[in-house]
Protein backbone atom coordinates (compact mmCIF):
# COMPACT_ATOMS: atom_id res chain seq x y z
CA MET A 1 -16.76 27.20 -16.11
CA PRO A 2 -15.20 28.57 -12.67
CA LYS A 3 -11.80 27.86 -12.52
CA ASN A 4 -10.61 24.97 -9.90
CA GLN A 5 -13.96 23.41 -9.84
CA PRO A 6 -13.77 20.21 -11.50
CA ILE A 7 -16.24 18.83 -13.76
CA ARG A 8 -16.32 14.60 -12.78
CA CYS A 9 -15.78 12.78 -16.04
CA PHE A 10 -16.01 9.30 -14.80
CA ASP A 11 -18.54 7.23 -12.14
CA GLY A 12 -16.75 7.28 -8.16
CA ASN A 13 -16.37 8.22 -5.34
CA ALA A 14 -13.35 10.53 -5.25
CA LYS A 15 -13.91 13.98 -4.35
CA PRO A 16 -12.20 17.18 -6.29
CA HIS A 17 -8.41 17.69 -5.93
CA GLU A 18 -8.75 14.36 -3.83
CA PRO A 19 -5.31 11.84 -4.86
CA PHE A 20 -6.03 9.34 -7.35
CA TRP A 21 -2.11 8.15 -6.95
CA SER A 22 -1.04 6.56 -3.63
CA TRP A 23 2.59 5.79 -1.96
CA ARG A 24 4.13 2.68 -1.20
CA ASN A 25 6.43 3.10 1.77
CA ALA A 26 9.87 1.97 0.71
CA VAL A 27 11.64 -0.25 2.65
CA GLU A 28 15.12 0.31 3.44
CA GLY A 29 17.18 0.12 0.32
CA ASP A 30 14.44 0.51 -2.19
CA GLU A 31 13.06 3.50 -3.91
CA PRO A 32 9.09 5.30 -3.25
CA GLU A 33 6.71 3.62 -4.81
CA MET A 34 3.81 5.50 -6.62
CA GLU A 35 0.56 3.46 -7.82
CA LEU A 36 -1.52 4.93 -10.17
CA TYR A 37 -4.29 1.91 -10.07
CA GLY A 38 -7.81 4.14 -11.41
CA TYR A 39 -8.83 6.15 -13.30
CA ILE A 40 -6.39 8.76 -13.99
CA SER A 41 -8.72 11.24 -12.47
CA GLU A 42 -12.48 11.01 -12.21
CA TYR A 43 -12.60 14.94 -12.28
CA SER A 44 -11.11 17.13 -15.22
CA TRP A 45 -7.70 18.58 -14.67
CA TRP A 46 -8.81 21.31 -17.55
CA GLU A 47 -8.69 25.05 -15.71
CA ASP A 48 -6.96 22.55 -12.40
CA ASP A 49 -4.38 24.44 -10.52
CA ILE A 50 -4.77 22.48 -7.52
CA THR A 51 -4.85 18.72 -8.28
CA PRO A 52 -1.49 19.07 -10.59
CA LYS A 53 0.62 21.35 -7.70
CA LEU A 54 -0.56 18.42 -5.41
CA PHE A 55 0.61 15.74 -7.79
CA LYS A 56 4.21 17.61 -8.42
CA ASP A 57 4.61 18.42 -4.80
CA GLU A 58 4.01 14.87 -3.77
CA LEU A 59 6.15 13.55 -6.83
CA MET A 60 9.20 15.94 -5.94
CA ARG A 61 9.04 15.23 -2.03
CA LYS A 62 8.50 12.02 -2.24
CA GLY A 63 11.39 11.00 -5.20
CA ASN A 64 13.95 13.53 -3.12
CA GLY A 65 15.32 13.34 -6.93
CA GLY A 66 15.86 10.23 -6.60
CA PRO A 67 15.21 6.91 -8.37
CA VAL A 68 11.40 6.49 -8.38
CA THR A 69 8.86 3.48 -9.75
CA VAL A 70 5.26 3.88 -11.01
CA ARG A 71 3.09 1.27 -10.81
CA ILE A 72 0.18 1.75 -13.19
CA HIS A 73 -2.90 -0.34 -13.36
CA SER A 74 -5.63 1.81 -15.44
CA GLY A 75 -8.07 1.45 -18.39
CA GLY A 76 -7.54 5.12 -18.79
CA GLY A 77 -8.93 9.15 -17.73
CA ASP A 78 -8.85 12.43 -18.75
CA VAL A 79 -6.42 13.36 -21.02
CA THR A 80 -5.26 16.19 -19.76
CA ALA A 81 -4.41 14.90 -16.51
CA ALA A 82 -2.38 12.42 -18.49
CA SER A 83 -0.53 14.85 -20.18
CA VAL A 84 0.49 17.20 -17.56
CA ILE A 85 1.36 14.15 -15.67
CA ARG A 86 4.07 12.36 -17.99
CA ALA A 87 5.26 16.22 -18.41
CA MET A 88 5.74 16.31 -14.51
CA MET A 89 7.28 12.97 -15.09
CA MET A 90 9.72 14.14 -18.06
CA ASP A 91 10.81 16.89 -15.81
CA TYR A 92 11.41 15.17 -12.62
CA PRO A 93 15.03 14.59 -12.28
CA GLY A 94 16.04 11.60 -10.97
CA ARG A 95 15.36 8.44 -13.00
CA ILE A 96 11.69 6.83 -13.49
CA THR A 97 10.75 2.98 -13.84
CA VAL A 98 7.33 2.37 -14.64
CA LYS A 99 5.97 -0.71 -14.33
CA VAL A 100 2.53 -2.17 -15.34
CA ASP A 101 1.33 -4.47 -13.02
CA GLY A 102 -1.97 -5.43 -14.84
CA LEU A 103 -3.71 -2.52 -17.58
CA CYS A 104 -2.53 0.38 -19.18
CA ALA A 105 -4.74 1.73 -21.15
CA SER A 106 -5.92 4.92 -22.94
CA ALA A 107 -4.70 7.96 -21.25
CA ALA A 108 -2.60 6.06 -18.94
CA MET A 109 -0.59 5.02 -22.01
CA ILE A 110 0.81 8.78 -22.13
CA VAL A 111 1.61 8.31 -18.61
CA ALA A 112 3.80 5.10 -18.87
CA MET A 113 5.70 6.83 -21.64
CA ALA A 114 7.40 9.06 -19.59
CA GLY A 115 9.18 6.34 -18.13
CA ASP A 116 13.04 6.04 -18.63
CA ARG A 117 12.41 2.24 -18.51
CA VAL A 118 8.93 0.66 -18.87
CA MET A 119 8.77 -2.99 -17.94
CA MET A 120 5.25 -4.87 -17.68
CA GLN A 121 4.11 -7.87 -15.91
CA GLU A 122 3.95 -10.90 -18.11
CA SER A 123 0.32 -11.26 -17.29
CA ALA A 124 -0.01 -7.44 -18.14
CA TYR A 125 -1.93 -6.07 -21.24
CA MET A 126 -1.22 -2.64 -23.37
CA MET A 127 -4.36 -0.84 -25.37
CA ILE A 128 -3.96 2.70 -27.53
CA HIS A 129 -7.37 4.09 -29.27
CA ASP A 130 -7.74 7.14 -30.70
CA PRO A 131 -9.50 10.32 -28.29
CA TRP A 132 -13.51 10.70 -28.04
CA THR A 133 -15.38 13.07 -26.47
CA ILE A 134 -18.58 14.79 -26.10
CA ALA A 135 -20.05 17.66 -27.90
CA MET A 136 -23.08 20.13 -28.26
CA GLY A 137 -23.67 23.51 -30.33
CA ASN A 138 -24.16 24.47 -33.79
CA SER A 139 -21.71 23.00 -36.80
CA ASP A 140 -18.60 25.42 -36.13
CA ASP A 141 -18.42 24.40 -32.83
CA LEU A 142 -18.25 21.11 -33.41
CA LYS A 143 -15.94 21.73 -36.32
CA LYS A 144 -13.94 23.17 -33.29
CA VAL A 145 -14.74 20.18 -31.15
CA MET A 146 -13.20 18.15 -34.42
CA GLU A 147 -10.19 20.11 -35.13
CA SER A 148 -9.10 19.34 -31.43
CA LEU A 149 -9.74 15.81 -31.56
CA ILE A 150 -7.41 16.00 -34.54
CA ALA A 151 -5.08 17.91 -32.96
CA CYS A 152 -4.95 15.39 -29.53
CA LYS A 153 -4.59 12.62 -31.87
CA ASP A 154 -1.10 14.16 -33.53
CA GLY A 155 -0.12 14.76 -29.91
CA ILE A 156 -0.31 11.26 -28.77
CA LEU A 157 1.12 10.09 -31.96
CA ASP A 158 4.41 12.09 -30.91
CA THR A 159 4.31 10.62 -27.30
CA TYR A 160 4.13 6.82 -29.13
CA GLU A 161 6.24 7.73 -32.28
CA SER A 162 9.00 9.26 -29.55
CA LYS A 163 9.17 6.09 -27.71
CA THR A 164 8.35 2.88 -30.08
CA LYS A 165 10.69 4.61 -33.65
CA MET A 166 7.47 3.10 -35.50
CA ASN A 167 5.76 4.68 -38.52
CA ARG A 168 3.64 7.31 -37.88
CA ALA A 169 1.25 5.87 -40.34
CA LYS A 170 1.16 2.60 -38.44
CA LEU A 171 0.07 3.72 -35.13
CA SER A 172 -2.67 5.64 -36.42
CA LYS A 173 -4.29 2.71 -37.39
CA LEU A 174 -3.56 1.32 -34.59
CA MET A 175 -5.00 4.02 -32.55
CA THR A 176 -7.95 3.53 -34.95
CA ALA A 177 -8.08 0.00 -34.89
CA GLU A 178 -8.14 -0.48 -30.71
CA THR A 179 -5.17 -2.22 -30.38
CA TRP A 180 -4.57 -4.50 -27.26
CA MET A 181 -1.24 -6.01 -26.76
CA THR A 182 0.12 -8.12 -24.45
CA ALA A 183 3.68 -7.72 -22.45
CA ARG A 184 5.75 -9.64 -25.17
CA GLN A 185 3.91 -7.18 -28.41
CA SER A 186 4.57 -4.30 -26.34
CA VAL A 187 7.95 -4.79 -26.09
CA GLU A 188 8.11 -6.21 -29.84
CA MET A 189 6.69 -2.86 -31.05
CA GLY A 190 8.61 -0.52 -28.62
CA PHE A 191 6.11 0.36 -26.26
CA ALA A 192 7.59 -1.07 -23.22
CA ASP A 193 11.30 -2.51 -22.62
CA GLU A 194 10.91 -5.76 -20.53
CA VAL A 195 8.50 -8.33 -19.34
CA ILE A 196 8.85 -9.45 -15.24
CA THR A 197 8.51 -12.79 -15.03
CA ILE A 198 8.28 -15.23 -12.22
CA GLN A 199 12.03 -16.43 -12.79
CA ASN A 200 13.70 -13.42 -12.57
CA SER A 201 12.03 -11.18 -10.09
CA GLN A 202 11.75 -12.67 -6.26
CA LYS A 203 9.26 -9.11 -5.78
CA THR A 204 7.41 -9.80 -8.92
CA MET A 205 5.73 -12.97 -6.78
CA ASN A 206 4.74 -10.86 -4.00
CA ALA A 207 3.60 -7.94 -6.34
CA ILE A 208 1.25 -10.65 -8.19
CA GLY A 209 0.29 -11.99 -4.96
CA ASN A 210 -1.09 -8.98 -3.71
CA ALA A 211 -2.33 -8.01 -6.50
CA GLY A 212 -4.57 -11.19 -7.02
CA ALA A 213 -7.60 -11.05 -9.66
CA MET A 214 -7.29 -7.53 -10.42
CA LEU A 215 -4.33 -8.66 -12.84
CA ASN A 216 -6.71 -9.92 -15.31
CA ALA A 217 -10.06 -7.76 -14.74
CA ILE A 218 -11.33 -5.67 -16.29
CA THR A 219 -14.33 -3.29 -14.84
CA PRO A 220 -18.16 -2.86 -16.55
CA GLU A 221 -17.69 0.92 -17.09
CA LEU A 222 -14.54 -0.05 -19.06
CA ALA A 223 -16.07 -3.14 -20.67
CA LYS A 224 -18.72 -0.81 -22.22
CA ARG A 225 -16.70 1.94 -23.65
CA TYR A 226 -13.99 -0.05 -25.75
CA VAL A 227 -14.85 -3.07 -28.32
CA ASN A 228 -11.75 -4.88 -28.41
CA ILE A 229 -11.31 -6.12 -25.26
CA PRO A 230 -9.15 -9.36 -25.03
CA ALA A 231 -11.61 -12.24 -23.84
CA GLN A 232 -9.13 -13.44 -20.88
CA LEU A 233 -10.07 -9.71 -19.52
CA LEU A 234 -13.31 -10.11 -19.44
CA GLN A 235 -12.81 -13.41 -17.12
CA PRO A 236 -12.75 -12.64 -13.46
CA ALA A 237 -9.47 -14.08 -12.84
CA GLU A 238 -8.66 -16.93 -10.14
CA GLU A 239 -5.91 -15.54 -7.62
CA PRO A 240 -2.72 -17.44 -8.52
CA VAL A 241 -0.70 -20.27 -6.91
CA ILE A 242 2.64 -19.98 -6.43
CA ASP A 243 5.53 -21.64 -4.94
CA PRO A 244 8.32 -19.91 -4.70
CA GLU A 245 10.59 -22.66 -4.27
CA ASN A 246 9.42 -24.28 -7.22
CA ALA A 247 8.47 -20.89 -8.67
CA GLU A 248 11.44 -22.01 -12.05
CA ASN A 249 8.89 -25.19 -13.34
CA GLN A 250 5.71 -23.04 -13.36
CA GLY A 251 6.25 -21.16 -16.30
CA ASP A 252 3.93 -18.49 -17.37
CA VAL A 253 2.01 -17.12 -14.40
CA ALA A 254 -1.43 -16.02 -17.09
CA THR A 255 -1.26 -16.13 -20.58
CA GLY A 256 0.47 -17.22 -23.76
CA ASP A 257 1.59 -15.09 -26.75
CA SER A 258 -1.43 -14.33 -28.55
CA GLN A 259 -1.75 -11.97 -31.93
CA THR A 260 -2.51 -8.30 -31.94
CA VAL A 261 -6.85 -7.93 -31.87
CA LEU A 262 -7.96 -5.75 -34.31
CA PRO A 263 -11.48 -4.81 -35.05
CA ASP A 264 -14.41 -7.05 -34.88
CA ALA A 265 -16.93 -6.75 -37.78
CA ASN A 266 -19.88 -7.66 -35.76
CA PRO A 267 -21.73 -4.51 -35.19
CA GLY A 268 -23.23 -6.24 -32.21
CA ASN A 269 -19.92 -5.50 -30.38
CA SER A 270 -20.34 -2.20 -30.49
CA PRO A 271 -20.64 0.29 -27.47
CA GLU A 272 -23.19 2.34 -29.38
CA ASN A 273 -25.89 -1.01 -28.90
CA SER A 274 -25.32 -1.41 -25.34
CA GLN A 275 -28.20 -0.47 -23.26
CA ASP A 276 -28.84 2.97 -22.03
CA ASN A 277 -28.66 3.78 -18.31
CA PRO A 278 -30.42 6.85 -17.46
CA ASP A 279 -28.58 8.57 -14.61
CA LYS A 280 -25.59 8.15 -16.68
CA VAL A 281 -27.65 10.01 -19.71
CA GLN A 282 -28.93 12.86 -17.57
CA GLU A 283 -25.20 12.74 -15.92
CA LEU A 284 -23.56 14.04 -19.13
CA LYS A 285 -26.64 16.26 -20.27
CA HIS A 286 -25.89 18.08 -17.19
CA ALA A 287 -21.89 17.89 -17.91
CA ALA A 288 -22.88 19.28 -21.33
CA ASN A 289 -24.84 21.90 -20.35
CA GLN A 290 -21.39 23.13 -17.94
CA LEU A 291 -19.65 22.41 -21.10
CA ARG A 292 -21.12 23.93 -23.83
CA ALA A 293 -18.45 26.50 -24.88
CA GLU A 294 -15.26 24.35 -24.19
CA ILE A 295 -14.14 20.89 -25.15
CA GLN A 296 -12.93 18.21 -23.10
CA ILE A 297 -11.31 15.03 -24.44
CA TYR A 298 -11.13 11.78 -22.85
CA LEU A 299 -9.33 8.58 -23.89
């Protein structure tokens, strides 16, 4: 594959090398905020030098070495992009606070773990699972793909273990189980440091009001990819009505504490049972032909 001609990983309208992140204009006295909403790149960063440089240059210029907030609402994306972004965030000289506004799943978790402090809206979710890939070739080719998937998971486990201090074997089982966590569970398990509540932040009320229905929603595309999505995320959300003057009496915004989701024994929930999309099949065949000798891992 020619260098700097990235392959599309996910459906969307983005163009190659187009930023999938955005910056909020900093109000006087506030730190700059980057938003990572949507896929962590619709295109692979494999053999891409242009987009990573653009991301790093903007982080350094906008942050200017001072504190930066990174807000996340993402169902995942390209593991290569997520890994590179994490490395850039960890190399950044200033303090980085990660705030999960709605969903932080799959590859987005790799990015979130780079925060010096990870905070979650009380209605937000985190999710971890095993990496997967699309591959074709002979038995030797597929063995190499399997080895790469194992190495990829080992790297992700290193990231989670460093943040949570949890037993590696337990983390591995949680990934295999496709585990979803509420904000409070994420803090209890060490993936996050703080739950943001209505009571402790006027900015939280503004953020929730602006985000509206996206906080507890998940796209049909993500619904096809994951098995154990909490029922709350499959329902269209209503915009919360918040009265700042009476916020202290309104309690939690979205959900109460729930149990970590474990695998469903019902095979009907498997993504393999979803109705095939002919256009998608053709797109995957085209991508597979481009990737014959290359391995592309997704989260």
